[in-house]
N, C-alpha and C. Protein backbone atom coordinates (compact mmCIF):
# COMPACT_ATOMS: atom_id res chain seq x y z
N UNK A 1 32.02 78.15 19.64
CA UNK A 1 31.77 79.50 19.14
C UNK A 1 32.58 79.74 17.87
N UNK A 2 31.96 80.38 16.90
CA UNK A 2 32.62 80.64 15.62
C UNK A 2 33.72 81.69 15.78
N UNK A 3 34.91 81.36 15.26
CA UNK A 3 36.05 82.27 15.35
C UNK A 3 36.66 82.60 13.99
N UNK A 4 36.46 81.72 13.00
CA UNK A 4 37.19 81.80 11.74
C UNK A 4 36.26 81.60 10.55
N UNK A 5 36.36 82.50 9.57
CA UNK A 5 35.61 82.37 8.32
C UNK A 5 36.62 82.17 7.18
N UNK A 6 36.45 81.09 6.44
CA UNK A 6 37.34 80.79 5.32
C UNK A 6 36.56 80.95 4.01
N UNK A 7 37.17 81.63 3.06
CA UNK A 7 36.53 81.93 1.78
C UNK A 7 37.21 81.17 0.65
N UNK A 8 36.42 80.61 -0.25
CA UNK A 8 36.94 80.27 -1.57
C UNK A 8 36.96 81.56 -2.38
N UNK A 9 37.71 81.57 -3.49
CA UNK A 9 37.78 82.78 -4.31
C UNK A 9 36.82 82.70 -5.50
N UNK A 10 37.10 81.81 -6.44
CA UNK A 10 36.35 81.75 -7.69
C UNK A 10 34.93 81.25 -7.45
N UNK A 11 33.95 82.04 -7.88
CA UNK A 11 32.57 81.66 -7.69
C UNK A 11 32.01 82.10 -6.36
N UNK A 12 32.86 82.65 -5.50
CA UNK A 12 32.42 83.13 -4.19
C UNK A 12 32.75 84.61 -4.07
N UNK A 13 34.01 84.93 -3.85
CA UNK A 13 34.41 86.33 -3.79
C UNK A 13 34.27 87.02 -5.14
N UNK A 14 34.59 86.26 -6.18
CA UNK A 14 34.56 86.80 -7.54
C UNK A 14 33.84 85.84 -8.47
N UNK A 15 33.09 86.41 -9.40
CA UNK A 15 32.61 85.65 -10.54
C UNK A 15 33.75 85.65 -11.55
N UNK A 16 34.41 84.52 -11.65
CA UNK A 16 35.63 84.44 -12.46
C UNK A 16 35.44 83.61 -13.72
N UNK A 17 34.21 83.19 -13.98
CA UNK A 17 34.00 82.28 -15.10
C UNK A 17 34.44 82.90 -16.42
N UNK A 18 34.06 84.16 -16.66
CA UNK A 18 34.43 84.81 -17.91
C UNK A 18 35.95 84.94 -18.05
N UNK A 19 36.61 85.28 -16.93
CA UNK A 19 38.07 85.40 -16.95
C UNK A 19 38.72 84.06 -17.28
N UNK A 20 38.25 83.00 -16.63
CA UNK A 20 38.82 81.69 -16.87
C UNK A 20 38.58 81.22 -18.31
N UNK A 21 37.37 81.45 -18.81
CA UNK A 21 37.06 81.06 -20.18
C UNK A 21 37.99 81.77 -21.16
N UNK A 22 38.16 83.07 -20.96
CA UNK A 22 39.04 83.83 -21.85
C UNK A 22 40.48 83.36 -21.76
N UNK A 23 40.94 83.10 -20.54
CA UNK A 23 42.34 82.69 -20.35
C UNK A 23 42.63 81.33 -20.98
N UNK A 24 41.83 80.33 -20.63
CA UNK A 24 42.13 78.98 -21.13
C UNK A 24 41.83 78.85 -22.62
N UNK A 25 40.80 79.53 -23.10
CA UNK A 25 40.55 79.50 -24.55
C UNK A 25 41.66 80.19 -25.33
N UNK A 26 42.24 81.23 -24.73
CA UNK A 26 43.38 81.88 -25.37
C UNK A 26 44.55 80.91 -25.51
N UNK A 27 44.81 80.16 -24.44
CA UNK A 27 45.89 79.17 -24.51
C UNK A 27 45.62 78.12 -25.58
N UNK A 28 44.39 77.62 -25.61
CA UNK A 28 44.03 76.61 -26.60
C UNK A 28 44.16 77.16 -28.02
N UNK A 29 43.68 78.39 -28.22
CA UNK A 29 43.76 79.00 -29.55
C UNK A 29 45.21 79.17 -29.99
N UNK A 30 46.09 79.55 -29.04
CA UNK A 30 47.50 79.73 -29.39
C UNK A 30 48.10 78.44 -29.94
N UNK A 31 47.65 77.31 -29.40
CA UNK A 31 48.17 76.02 -29.85
C UNK A 31 47.25 75.36 -30.89
N UNK A 32 46.40 76.20 -31.52
CA UNK A 32 45.53 75.77 -32.63
C UNK A 32 44.57 74.67 -32.24
N UNK A 33 44.03 74.77 -30.99
CA UNK A 33 43.04 73.81 -30.52
C UNK A 33 41.68 74.48 -30.39
N UNK A 34 40.64 73.69 -30.35
CA UNK A 34 39.27 74.21 -30.25
C UNK A 34 39.00 74.72 -28.83
N UNK A 35 38.06 75.66 -28.68
CA UNK A 35 37.72 76.19 -27.35
C UNK A 35 37.17 75.10 -26.43
N UNK A 36 37.13 75.41 -25.15
CA UNK A 36 36.62 74.48 -24.15
C UNK A 36 35.13 74.19 -24.36
N UNK A 37 34.72 72.97 -24.05
CA UNK A 37 33.30 72.65 -24.00
C UNK A 37 32.78 72.92 -22.58
N UNK A 38 31.50 72.69 -22.36
CA UNK A 38 30.90 73.03 -21.06
C UNK A 38 31.52 72.23 -19.91
N UNK A 39 31.83 70.97 -20.17
CA UNK A 39 32.43 70.14 -19.12
C UNK A 39 33.80 70.67 -18.74
N UNK A 40 34.56 71.08 -19.73
CA UNK A 40 35.91 71.62 -19.46
C UNK A 40 35.82 72.95 -18.73
N UNK A 41 34.84 73.77 -19.07
CA UNK A 41 34.65 75.05 -18.38
C UNK A 41 34.38 74.82 -16.90
N UNK A 42 33.51 73.86 -16.60
CA UNK A 42 33.20 73.57 -15.20
C UNK A 42 34.43 73.02 -14.47
N UNK A 43 35.23 72.22 -15.15
CA UNK A 43 36.42 71.66 -14.52
C UNK A 43 37.42 72.75 -14.15
N UNK A 44 37.71 73.66 -15.08
CA UNK A 44 38.72 74.69 -14.80
C UNK A 44 38.23 75.68 -13.76
N UNK A 45 36.91 75.82 -13.64
CA UNK A 45 36.35 76.72 -12.63
C UNK A 45 36.72 76.26 -11.22
N UNK A 46 36.82 74.94 -11.02
CA UNK A 46 37.08 74.39 -9.69
C UNK A 46 38.54 74.08 -9.43
N UNK A 47 39.31 73.84 -10.48
CA UNK A 47 40.60 73.18 -10.34
C UNK A 47 41.78 74.14 -10.35
N UNK A 48 42.92 73.62 -9.94
CA UNK A 48 44.16 74.38 -10.01
C UNK A 48 44.57 74.58 -11.46
N UNK A 49 45.46 75.54 -11.70
CA UNK A 49 45.93 75.80 -13.06
C UNK A 49 46.59 74.56 -13.63
N UNK A 50 47.45 73.92 -12.84
CA UNK A 50 48.17 72.74 -13.32
C UNK A 50 47.21 71.64 -13.73
N UNK A 51 46.21 71.36 -12.90
CA UNK A 51 45.24 70.32 -13.22
C UNK A 51 44.38 70.72 -14.42
N UNK A 52 44.05 72.01 -14.51
CA UNK A 52 43.23 72.48 -15.63
C UNK A 52 43.97 72.32 -16.96
N UNK A 53 45.24 72.69 -16.98
CA UNK A 53 46.04 72.55 -18.19
C UNK A 53 46.13 71.08 -18.61
N UNK A 54 46.39 70.23 -17.64
CA UNK A 54 46.48 68.80 -17.94
C UNK A 54 45.17 68.28 -18.53
N UNK A 55 44.05 68.79 -18.00
CA UNK A 55 42.74 68.33 -18.43
C UNK A 55 42.40 68.81 -19.83
N UNK A 56 42.52 70.11 -20.08
CA UNK A 56 42.05 70.64 -21.38
C UNK A 56 43.02 70.35 -22.52
N UNK A 57 44.29 70.09 -22.18
CA UNK A 57 45.26 69.74 -23.22
C UNK A 57 45.42 68.23 -23.36
N UNK A 58 44.58 67.48 -22.64
CA UNK A 58 44.63 66.03 -22.75
C UNK A 58 44.33 65.54 -24.16
N UNK A 59 43.58 66.38 -24.91
CA UNK A 59 43.22 66.00 -26.28
C UNK A 59 44.38 66.24 -27.26
N UNK A 60 45.46 66.80 -26.77
CA UNK A 60 46.61 67.08 -27.64
C UNK A 60 47.91 66.65 -26.96
N UNK A 61 48.09 65.35 -26.76
CA UNK A 61 49.28 64.86 -26.05
C UNK A 61 50.58 65.13 -26.78
N UNK A 62 50.47 65.53 -28.05
CA UNK A 62 51.68 65.82 -28.83
C UNK A 62 52.30 67.18 -28.47
N UNK A 63 51.55 68.02 -27.73
CA UNK A 63 52.07 69.34 -27.36
C UNK A 63 52.84 69.20 -26.05
N UNK A 64 54.13 69.46 -26.03
CA UNK A 64 54.91 69.32 -24.80
C UNK A 64 54.42 70.28 -23.72
N UNK A 65 54.28 69.78 -22.51
CA UNK A 65 53.82 70.61 -21.40
C UNK A 65 54.75 71.79 -21.17
N UNK A 66 56.03 71.61 -21.48
CA UNK A 66 57.00 72.70 -21.30
C UNK A 66 56.67 73.89 -22.20
N UNK A 67 56.18 73.60 -23.41
CA UNK A 67 55.81 74.66 -24.33
C UNK A 67 54.60 75.45 -23.82
N UNK A 68 53.66 74.72 -23.24
CA UNK A 68 52.48 75.37 -22.67
C UNK A 68 52.87 76.26 -21.50
N UNK A 69 53.71 75.74 -20.63
CA UNK A 69 54.14 76.51 -19.46
C UNK A 69 54.94 77.75 -19.87
N UNK A 70 55.75 77.61 -20.87
CA UNK A 70 56.52 78.76 -21.35
C UNK A 70 55.61 79.86 -21.86
N UNK A 71 54.56 79.46 -22.57
CA UNK A 71 53.63 80.47 -23.09
C UNK A 71 52.81 81.08 -21.94
N UNK A 72 52.43 80.26 -20.98
CA UNK A 72 51.73 80.78 -19.80
C UNK A 72 52.58 81.85 -19.10
N UNK A 73 53.85 81.55 -18.92
CA UNK A 73 54.75 82.50 -18.24
C UNK A 73 54.89 83.78 -19.04
N UNK A 74 54.84 83.65 -20.35
CA UNK A 74 55.01 84.82 -21.22
C UNK A 74 53.81 85.76 -21.13
N UNK A 75 52.60 85.21 -21.15
CA UNK A 75 51.42 86.09 -21.17
C UNK A 75 50.93 86.46 -19.78
N UNK A 76 51.17 85.57 -18.78
CA UNK A 76 50.66 85.83 -17.44
C UNK A 76 49.14 85.83 -17.40
N UNK A 77 48.59 86.10 -16.22
CA UNK A 77 47.14 86.14 -16.06
C UNK A 77 46.64 87.58 -15.97
N UNK A 78 47.59 88.53 -15.85
CA UNK A 78 47.24 89.93 -15.66
C UNK A 78 46.20 90.46 -16.63
N UNK A 79 46.35 90.20 -17.94
CA UNK A 79 45.39 90.74 -18.91
C UNK A 79 43.96 90.23 -18.71
N UNK A 80 43.80 89.15 -17.94
CA UNK A 80 42.48 88.54 -17.78
C UNK A 80 41.81 88.93 -16.46
N UNK A 81 42.54 89.62 -15.57
CA UNK A 81 41.95 90.05 -14.30
C UNK A 81 40.81 91.03 -14.52
N UNK A 82 40.83 91.73 -15.64
CA UNK A 82 39.77 92.71 -15.93
C UNK A 82 38.40 92.04 -16.07
N UNK A 83 38.39 90.75 -16.32
CA UNK A 83 37.12 90.04 -16.48
C UNK A 83 36.58 89.49 -15.15
N UNK A 84 37.33 89.66 -14.07
CA UNK A 84 36.89 89.20 -12.76
C UNK A 84 35.87 90.19 -12.18
N UNK A 85 34.74 89.68 -11.74
CA UNK A 85 33.67 90.53 -11.21
C UNK A 85 33.48 90.25 -9.72
N UNK A 86 33.82 91.23 -8.89
CA UNK A 86 33.70 91.05 -7.45
C UNK A 86 32.23 91.04 -7.04
N UNK A 87 31.87 90.16 -6.10
CA UNK A 87 30.51 90.14 -5.58
C UNK A 87 30.16 91.51 -5.00
N UNK A 88 28.98 92.04 -5.31
CA UNK A 88 28.66 93.42 -4.94
C UNK A 88 28.64 93.71 -3.44
N UNK A 89 28.32 92.70 -2.63
CA UNK A 89 28.27 92.96 -1.18
C UNK A 89 29.45 92.34 -0.42
N UNK A 90 30.50 91.95 -1.15
CA UNK A 90 31.66 91.35 -0.48
C UNK A 90 32.30 92.31 0.52
N UNK A 91 32.60 93.52 0.09
CA UNK A 91 33.28 94.46 0.99
C UNK A 91 32.39 94.82 2.18
N UNK A 92 31.11 94.99 1.94
CA UNK A 92 30.19 95.27 3.05
C UNK A 92 30.24 94.15 4.09
N UNK A 93 30.26 92.91 3.60
CA UNK A 93 30.33 91.76 4.50
C UNK A 93 31.66 91.71 5.24
N UNK A 94 32.76 91.93 4.51
CA UNK A 94 34.08 91.91 5.14
C UNK A 94 34.19 92.98 6.22
N UNK A 95 33.67 94.16 5.95
CA UNK A 95 33.71 95.24 6.93
C UNK A 95 32.92 94.87 8.18
N UNK A 96 31.85 94.16 8.00
CA UNK A 96 31.00 93.79 9.13
C UNK A 96 31.64 92.71 10.00
N UNK A 97 32.24 91.69 9.35
CA UNK A 97 32.74 90.54 10.12
C UNK A 97 34.19 90.70 10.58
N UNK A 98 34.96 91.56 9.92
CA UNK A 98 36.39 91.67 10.21
C UNK A 98 36.70 91.95 11.68
N UNK A 99 35.95 92.80 12.37
CA UNK A 99 36.29 93.06 13.77
C UNK A 99 36.08 91.87 14.71
N UNK A 100 35.24 90.92 14.30
CA UNK A 100 34.86 89.83 15.21
C UNK A 100 35.47 88.47 14.87
N UNK A 101 35.93 88.31 13.64
CA UNK A 101 36.41 87.00 13.20
C UNK A 101 37.76 87.10 12.50
N UNK A 102 38.50 86.00 12.53
CA UNK A 102 39.67 85.86 11.69
C UNK A 102 39.18 85.44 10.30
N UNK A 103 39.83 85.96 9.27
CA UNK A 103 39.41 85.68 7.90
C UNK A 103 40.56 85.08 7.11
N UNK A 104 40.25 84.07 6.29
CA UNK A 104 41.27 83.39 5.50
C UNK A 104 40.70 82.99 4.15
N UNK A 105 41.59 82.63 3.24
CA UNK A 105 41.20 82.18 1.90
C UNK A 105 41.83 80.81 1.63
N UNK A 106 41.02 79.89 1.13
CA UNK A 106 41.51 78.60 0.64
C UNK A 106 41.07 78.48 -0.81
N UNK A 107 42.03 78.57 -1.72
CA UNK A 107 41.70 78.63 -3.14
C UNK A 107 42.62 77.75 -3.97
N UNK A 108 42.12 77.34 -5.13
CA UNK A 108 42.96 76.63 -6.08
C UNK A 108 43.62 77.58 -7.08
N UNK A 109 43.43 78.88 -6.88
CA UNK A 109 44.23 79.84 -7.66
C UNK A 109 45.69 79.68 -7.25
N UNK A 110 46.58 80.17 -8.11
CA UNK A 110 48.00 80.04 -7.80
C UNK A 110 48.61 81.42 -7.60
N UNK A 111 49.47 81.85 -8.53
CA UNK A 111 50.15 83.14 -8.35
C UNK A 111 49.29 84.34 -8.72
N UNK A 112 48.02 84.11 -9.05
CA UNK A 112 47.13 85.23 -9.38
C UNK A 112 46.33 85.72 -8.18
N UNK A 113 46.35 84.99 -7.07
CA UNK A 113 45.49 85.35 -5.93
C UNK A 113 45.93 86.66 -5.28
N UNK A 114 47.21 86.80 -4.99
CA UNK A 114 47.69 88.01 -4.33
C UNK A 114 47.52 89.24 -5.22
N UNK A 115 47.89 89.17 -6.52
CA UNK A 115 47.62 90.32 -7.39
C UNK A 115 46.15 90.69 -7.47
N UNK A 116 45.27 89.69 -7.40
CA UNK A 116 43.84 89.96 -7.44
C UNK A 116 43.39 90.71 -6.19
N UNK A 117 43.88 90.28 -5.03
CA UNK A 117 43.57 90.98 -3.78
C UNK A 117 44.09 92.41 -3.83
N UNK A 118 45.29 92.55 -4.34
CA UNK A 118 45.91 93.89 -4.44
C UNK A 118 45.11 94.78 -5.39
N UNK A 119 44.70 94.23 -6.51
CA UNK A 119 43.96 94.98 -7.51
C UNK A 119 42.68 95.58 -6.92
N UNK A 120 42.05 94.83 -6.01
CA UNK A 120 40.77 95.27 -5.44
C UNK A 120 40.91 95.77 -3.99
N UNK A 121 42.17 95.97 -3.55
CA UNK A 121 42.45 96.52 -2.21
C UNK A 121 41.80 95.68 -1.11
N UNK A 122 41.98 94.37 -1.19
CA UNK A 122 41.39 93.45 -0.22
C UNK A 122 42.40 92.80 0.71
N UNK A 123 43.70 93.06 0.50
CA UNK A 123 44.73 92.34 1.27
C UNK A 123 44.55 92.48 2.77
N UNK A 124 44.17 93.65 3.23
CA UNK A 124 44.15 93.92 4.67
C UNK A 124 43.05 93.16 5.41
N UNK A 125 42.10 92.61 4.68
CA UNK A 125 41.00 91.89 5.34
C UNK A 125 41.38 90.48 5.76
N UNK A 126 42.40 89.90 5.11
CA UNK A 126 42.66 88.48 5.30
C UNK A 126 43.96 88.23 6.06
N UNK A 127 43.85 87.34 7.06
CA UNK A 127 44.99 87.02 7.91
C UNK A 127 45.83 85.87 7.36
N UNK A 128 45.25 85.09 6.45
CA UNK A 128 45.96 83.93 5.90
C UNK A 128 45.38 83.62 4.53
N UNK A 129 46.27 83.42 3.54
CA UNK A 129 45.85 83.07 2.18
C UNK A 129 46.58 81.81 1.75
N UNK A 130 45.84 80.77 1.47
CA UNK A 130 46.41 79.50 1.02
C UNK A 130 46.00 79.26 -0.42
N UNK A 131 46.98 79.01 -1.29
CA UNK A 131 46.72 78.78 -2.71
C UNK A 131 47.22 77.41 -3.12
N UNK A 132 47.01 77.10 -4.39
CA UNK A 132 47.50 75.82 -4.92
C UNK A 132 49.01 75.74 -4.92
N UNK A 133 49.69 76.88 -4.82
CA UNK A 133 51.15 76.90 -4.79
C UNK A 133 51.73 76.73 -3.39
N UNK A 134 50.91 76.96 -2.38
CA UNK A 134 51.44 76.95 -1.00
C UNK A 134 51.15 75.66 -0.26
N UNK A 135 50.43 74.72 -0.90
CA UNK A 135 50.16 73.43 -0.27
C UNK A 135 50.62 72.31 -1.20
N UNK A 136 50.87 71.15 -0.63
CA UNK A 136 51.31 70.02 -1.43
C UNK A 136 50.20 69.55 -2.36
N UNK A 137 48.98 69.50 -1.84
CA UNK A 137 47.85 69.00 -2.61
C UNK A 137 46.71 70.02 -2.60
N UNK A 138 46.31 70.55 -3.77
CA UNK A 138 45.21 71.51 -3.82
C UNK A 138 43.86 70.83 -3.57
N UNK A 139 42.81 71.63 -3.49
CA UNK A 139 41.46 71.07 -3.34
C UNK A 139 41.16 70.12 -4.50
N UNK A 140 40.45 69.03 -4.20
CA UNK A 140 39.64 68.77 -3.01
C UNK A 140 40.38 68.18 -1.82
N UNK A 141 41.69 68.02 -1.91
CA UNK A 141 42.46 67.54 -0.75
C UNK A 141 42.26 68.50 0.42
N UNK A 142 42.36 68.02 1.65
CA UNK A 142 42.10 68.86 2.82
C UNK A 142 43.26 69.77 3.21
N UNK A 143 44.40 69.65 2.54
CA UNK A 143 45.64 70.31 2.98
C UNK A 143 45.47 71.79 3.30
N UNK A 144 44.86 72.54 2.40
CA UNK A 144 44.77 73.98 2.57
C UNK A 144 43.95 74.39 3.77
N UNK A 145 42.81 73.77 3.94
CA UNK A 145 41.95 74.10 5.08
C UNK A 145 42.56 73.64 6.39
N UNK A 146 43.24 72.49 6.37
CA UNK A 146 43.93 72.02 7.58
C UNK A 146 45.04 72.99 7.97
N UNK A 147 45.76 73.51 6.99
CA UNK A 147 46.82 74.48 7.27
C UNK A 147 46.25 75.75 7.91
N UNK A 148 45.10 76.17 7.43
CA UNK A 148 44.46 77.36 7.99
C UNK A 148 44.02 77.11 9.43
N UNK A 149 43.38 75.98 9.68
CA UNK A 149 42.96 75.64 11.04
C UNK A 149 44.15 75.61 11.98
N UNK A 150 45.24 75.01 11.52
CA UNK A 150 46.44 74.93 12.36
C UNK A 150 47.04 76.31 12.60
N UNK A 151 47.04 77.15 11.58
CA UNK A 151 47.60 78.50 11.71
C UNK A 151 46.89 79.29 12.80
N UNK A 152 45.57 79.16 12.87
CA UNK A 152 44.79 79.93 13.85
C UNK A 152 44.52 79.14 15.13
N UNK A 153 45.03 77.90 15.19
CA UNK A 153 44.79 77.04 16.35
C UNK A 153 43.30 76.92 16.63
N UNK A 154 42.54 76.72 15.56
CA UNK A 154 41.08 76.60 15.64
C UNK A 154 40.67 75.14 15.48
N UNK A 155 39.66 74.74 16.20
CA UNK A 155 39.06 73.44 15.97
C UNK A 155 38.09 73.56 14.79
N UNK A 156 37.74 72.45 14.14
CA UNK A 156 36.79 72.52 13.03
C UNK A 156 35.47 73.17 13.41
N UNK A 157 35.02 72.97 14.64
CA UNK A 157 33.74 73.53 15.07
C UNK A 157 33.80 75.05 15.24
N UNK A 158 35.00 75.61 15.27
CA UNK A 158 35.16 77.06 15.42
C UNK A 158 35.33 77.77 14.08
N UNK A 159 35.22 77.01 12.98
CA UNK A 159 35.43 77.57 11.65
C UNK A 159 34.24 77.29 10.75
N UNK A 160 34.10 78.10 9.72
CA UNK A 160 33.09 77.86 8.69
C UNK A 160 33.71 78.24 7.35
N UNK A 161 33.33 77.50 6.30
CA UNK A 161 33.93 77.66 4.97
C UNK A 161 32.86 78.07 3.98
N UNK A 162 33.10 79.14 3.23
CA UNK A 162 32.16 79.60 2.21
C UNK A 162 32.68 79.14 0.85
N UNK A 163 31.96 78.23 0.21
CA UNK A 163 32.41 77.69 -1.07
C UNK A 163 31.26 77.48 -2.04
N UNK A 164 31.61 77.18 -3.29
CA UNK A 164 30.56 77.05 -4.31
C UNK A 164 30.67 75.78 -5.14
N UNK A 165 31.68 74.96 -4.91
CA UNK A 165 31.90 73.81 -5.79
C UNK A 165 31.96 72.51 -5.00
N UNK A 166 31.88 71.41 -5.72
CA UNK A 166 32.00 70.10 -5.09
C UNK A 166 33.36 69.94 -4.44
N UNK A 167 34.40 70.56 -5.00
CA UNK A 167 35.73 70.50 -4.38
C UNK A 167 35.71 71.19 -3.01
N UNK A 168 34.99 72.29 -2.90
CA UNK A 168 34.87 72.97 -1.61
C UNK A 168 34.11 72.09 -0.62
N UNK A 169 33.04 71.48 -1.10
CA UNK A 169 32.28 70.58 -0.24
C UNK A 169 33.15 69.43 0.27
N UNK A 170 33.94 68.86 -0.62
CA UNK A 170 34.79 67.72 -0.24
C UNK A 170 35.88 68.15 0.74
N UNK A 171 36.47 69.33 0.51
CA UNK A 171 37.51 69.80 1.43
C UNK A 171 36.93 70.07 2.81
N UNK A 172 35.78 70.75 2.85
CA UNK A 172 35.15 71.05 4.14
C UNK A 172 34.78 69.77 4.88
N UNK A 173 34.22 68.81 4.16
CA UNK A 173 33.81 67.55 4.79
C UNK A 173 35.01 66.79 5.33
N UNK A 174 36.10 66.79 4.58
CA UNK A 174 37.31 66.08 5.02
C UNK A 174 37.89 66.69 6.29
N UNK A 175 37.65 67.98 6.49
CA UNK A 175 38.18 68.68 7.67
C UNK A 175 37.13 68.83 8.77
N UNK A 176 35.93 68.31 8.52
CA UNK A 176 34.81 68.40 9.48
C UNK A 176 34.45 69.85 9.79
N UNK A 177 34.55 70.69 8.77
CA UNK A 177 34.18 72.11 8.89
C UNK A 177 32.85 72.32 8.18
N UNK A 178 31.95 73.06 8.79
CA UNK A 178 30.66 73.35 8.16
C UNK A 178 30.86 74.20 6.91
N UNK A 179 30.07 73.91 5.89
CA UNK A 179 30.15 74.62 4.61
C UNK A 179 28.92 75.50 4.42
N UNK A 180 29.16 76.73 3.98
CA UNK A 180 28.10 77.59 3.46
C UNK A 180 28.18 77.52 1.95
N UNK A 181 27.14 76.97 1.31
CA UNK A 181 27.13 76.85 -0.14
C UNK A 181 26.71 78.18 -0.75
N UNK A 182 27.59 78.73 -1.57
CA UNK A 182 27.35 80.05 -2.16
C UNK A 182 26.84 79.89 -3.59
N UNK A 183 25.56 80.24 -3.78
CA UNK A 183 24.94 80.20 -5.12
C UNK A 183 25.02 78.82 -5.78
N UNK A 184 24.93 77.78 -4.98
CA UNK A 184 24.92 76.43 -5.54
C UNK A 184 24.05 75.53 -4.66
N UNK A 185 22.80 75.37 -5.06
CA UNK A 185 21.85 74.58 -4.28
C UNK A 185 22.14 73.08 -4.37
N UNK A 186 23.03 72.66 -5.24
CA UNK A 186 23.30 71.24 -5.41
C UNK A 186 24.29 70.69 -4.37
N UNK A 187 24.96 71.58 -3.66
CA UNK A 187 25.91 71.12 -2.65
C UNK A 187 25.16 70.61 -1.42
N UNK A 188 25.72 69.58 -0.79
CA UNK A 188 25.08 68.95 0.36
C UNK A 188 25.56 69.61 1.66
N UNK A 189 24.77 70.53 2.15
CA UNK A 189 25.09 71.23 3.39
C UNK A 189 23.82 71.85 3.95
N UNK A 190 23.88 72.23 5.21
CA UNK A 190 22.72 72.84 5.86
C UNK A 190 22.50 74.27 5.40
N UNK A 191 23.60 74.94 5.04
CA UNK A 191 23.55 76.38 4.79
C UNK A 191 23.70 76.70 3.30
N UNK A 192 22.73 77.43 2.77
CA UNK A 192 22.76 77.88 1.37
C UNK A 192 22.43 79.37 1.32
N UNK A 193 23.23 80.13 0.57
CA UNK A 193 22.98 81.56 0.41
C UNK A 193 23.22 81.96 -1.04
N UNK A 194 22.67 83.11 -1.40
CA UNK A 194 22.90 83.66 -2.74
C UNK A 194 23.58 85.02 -2.68
N UNK A 195 23.91 85.48 -1.46
CA UNK A 195 24.65 86.73 -1.29
C UNK A 195 25.38 86.68 0.04
N UNK A 196 26.38 87.54 0.21
CA UNK A 196 27.16 87.53 1.44
C UNK A 196 26.36 87.99 2.65
N UNK A 197 25.58 89.04 2.51
CA UNK A 197 24.89 89.58 3.68
C UNK A 197 23.84 88.63 4.23
N UNK A 198 23.36 87.69 3.41
CA UNK A 198 22.45 86.65 3.90
C UNK A 198 23.12 85.78 4.96
N UNK A 199 24.43 85.66 4.88
CA UNK A 199 25.17 84.80 5.79
C UNK A 199 24.95 85.22 7.24
N UNK A 200 24.79 86.50 7.46
CA UNK A 200 24.65 87.01 8.83
C UNK A 200 23.37 86.53 9.50
N UNK A 201 22.43 86.01 8.72
CA UNK A 201 21.19 85.48 9.28
C UNK A 201 21.26 84.00 9.62
N UNK A 202 22.38 83.37 9.28
CA UNK A 202 22.54 81.94 9.56
C UNK A 202 22.81 81.70 11.05
N UNK A 203 22.43 80.53 11.50
CA UNK A 203 22.54 80.19 12.93
C UNK A 203 23.93 80.38 13.51
N UNK A 204 25.01 79.97 12.80
CA UNK A 204 26.35 80.13 13.40
C UNK A 204 26.73 81.59 13.69
N UNK A 205 26.05 82.53 13.05
CA UNK A 205 26.38 83.94 13.24
C UNK A 205 25.46 84.64 14.24
N UNK A 206 24.50 83.89 14.75
CA UNK A 206 23.61 84.45 15.75
C UNK A 206 24.24 84.31 17.13
N UNK A 207 24.23 85.40 17.89
CA UNK A 207 24.85 85.36 19.23
C UNK A 207 23.79 85.63 20.30
């Protein structure tokens, strides 16, 4: 029986592509580099901040990573949260499932996840939030989802993961947890949806 719903953040709870593009392009511009190409945009959408920085600044090995981190710390991510667009039926879905299920987040966001929840008054819905800063290895490694399963003492068959990227697919598969592919028909899973309320019609939610 299903007991636990785990959410990815970027591309699921929030459309964050515009925010990420603005943030990483701002960093590149500050160091006099060209904006991200499409491949780089897709990479940063899925990856942790640390991996994203390593990837997009790979073309400029002469720039010390310490200088990049110092500038990141100076500007923060706060100015870019305004570009995050919450899914329109997210709160309706959370209100519906919260009384019956434990809810958690497994994300490659770092120190921006909690401020984002606070900004949109979502903290009270989630019992556990795992970020790239709270696990040794971020997605696609299984660490975050395994930590969540252990926290709730749930077996993989008692959990379901809502994700939108290949990293989410890989993490779910490594943990033997069923994946609901959110707005991405290319992921290999039984369940595909384009909105949150559609999830309630899926077999695992039928009682």
